[in-house]
Amino acid sequence: MAHKAQIHESYIGKLERSEKTCSVEVLAKVTDALGVSLVDFFRYIQPEVGAGGDTALGQIVDRLRGRSTAEQKKVLKVIDAVLDDKPR
């Protein structure tokens, strides 16, 4: 799978063991190698709902649903800036 996704085997292993996180681009390569679209990969992931209703993550997902890819990328840049994360 690593070869098909054009990603080093050790990096794939670290992803599998949750020792590393990956960018959307890397995730797209992995899902493509597995024959799964990104849409299908995320389709059934549902944020946990706390006692008080929807979680913040659920609210973010709801607000991004139906937005263009360009708008979603803008939001991702804002999240990276707020969390002081470097784009991966």
Protein backbone atom coordinates (compact mmCIF):
# COMPACT_ATOMS: atom_id res chain seq x y z
CA MET A 1 0.00 0.00 0.00
CA ALA A 2 2.83 2.40 0.84
CA HIS A 3 4.33 1.84 -2.62
CA LYS A 4 0.97 2.37 -4.33
CA ALA A 5 0.38 5.56 -2.29
CA GLN A 6 3.97 6.70 -2.98
CA ILE A 7 4.60 7.15 0.75
CA HIS A 8 7.53 5.69 2.68
CA GLU A 9 6.72 2.49 4.58
CA SER A 10 7.97 3.83 7.90
CA TYR A 11 5.69 6.88 7.60
CA ILE A 12 2.69 4.64 6.90
CA GLY A 13 3.62 2.59 9.97
CA LYS A 14 3.72 5.72 12.12
CA LEU A 15 0.30 6.75 10.80
CA GLU A 16 -1.07 3.31 11.61
CA ARG A 17 0.28 3.52 15.16
CA SER A 18 -1.00 7.12 15.57
CA GLU A 19 2.55 8.35 16.06
CA LYS A 20 2.16 10.87 13.21
CA THR A 21 -0.62 12.91 11.71
CA CYS A 22 -0.89 13.63 8.02
CA SER A 23 -2.07 16.29 5.65
CA VAL A 24 -5.22 15.98 3.58
CA GLU A 25 -2.98 15.42 0.56
CA VAL A 26 -1.29 12.40 2.19
CA LEU A 27 -4.66 11.10 3.38
CA ALA A 28 -5.93 11.39 -0.20
CA LYS A 29 -2.98 9.30 -1.42
CA VAL A 30 -3.67 6.65 1.22
CA THR A 31 -7.41 6.47 0.57
CA ASP A 32 -6.76 6.36 -3.19
CA ALA A 33 -4.34 3.47 -2.69
CA LEU A 34 -7.06 1.71 -0.69
CA GLY A 35 -9.66 2.41 -3.37
CA VAL A 36 -11.74 4.67 -1.13
CA SER A 37 -12.65 8.29 -1.86
CA LEU A 38 -12.06 10.98 0.74
CA VAL A 39 -15.80 11.61 0.77
CA ASP A 40 -16.50 7.97 1.63
CA PHE A 41 -13.71 7.94 4.19
CA PHE A 42 -15.29 10.82 6.11
CA ARG A 43 -18.92 10.01 5.36
CA TYR A 44 -19.58 7.89 8.43
CA ILE A 45 -17.38 9.68 10.92
CA GLN A 46 -19.64 11.40 13.37
CA PRO A 47 -18.37 13.61 16.14
CA GLU A 48 -19.25 12.50 19.62
CA VAL A 49 -22.20 14.32 21.04
CA GLY A 50 -21.75 15.54 24.59
CA ALA A 51 -24.42 15.94 27.23
CA GLY A 52 -25.00 19.52 26.12
CA GLY A 53 -25.75 18.73 22.47
CA ASP A 54 -23.49 19.05 19.46
CA THR A 55 -19.77 19.31 20.03
CA ALA A 56 -17.72 22.14 18.60
CA LEU A 57 -16.32 19.69 16.04
CA GLY A 58 -19.83 18.78 14.96
CA GLN A 59 -20.71 22.44 14.54
CA ILE A 60 -17.59 23.04 12.47
CA VAL A 61 -18.37 20.08 10.23
CA ASP A 62 -21.97 21.26 9.79
CA ARG A 63 -20.83 24.75 8.80
CA LEU A 64 -18.30 23.42 6.28
CA ARG A 65 -20.69 20.92 4.73
CA GLY A 66 -21.65 22.11 1.28
CA ARG A 67 -18.94 24.80 1.12
CA SER A 68 -16.53 24.93 -1.79
CA THR A 69 -13.08 23.40 -1.56
CA ALA A 70 -11.60 26.90 -1.71
CA GLU A 71 -13.67 27.98 1.30
CA GLN A 72 -12.73 24.84 3.21
CA LYS A 73 -9.04 25.49 2.53
CA LYS A 74 -9.40 29.04 3.86
CA VAL A 75 -10.91 27.69 7.07
CA LEU A 76 -8.08 25.15 7.36
CA LYS A 77 -5.52 27.98 7.08
CA VAL A 78 -7.30 29.85 9.86
CA ILE A 79 -7.31 26.73 12.05
CA ASP A 80 -3.59 26.22 11.39
CA ALA A 81 -2.89 29.85 12.30
CA VAL A 82 -4.96 29.70 15.49
CA LEU A 83 -3.36 26.43 16.59
CA ASP A 84 0.08 27.61 15.46
CA ASP A 85 0.35 24.48 13.30
CA LYS A 86 2.47 24.39 10.22
CA PRO A 87 0.58 23.17 7.14
CA ARG A 88 1.54 19.60 6.52
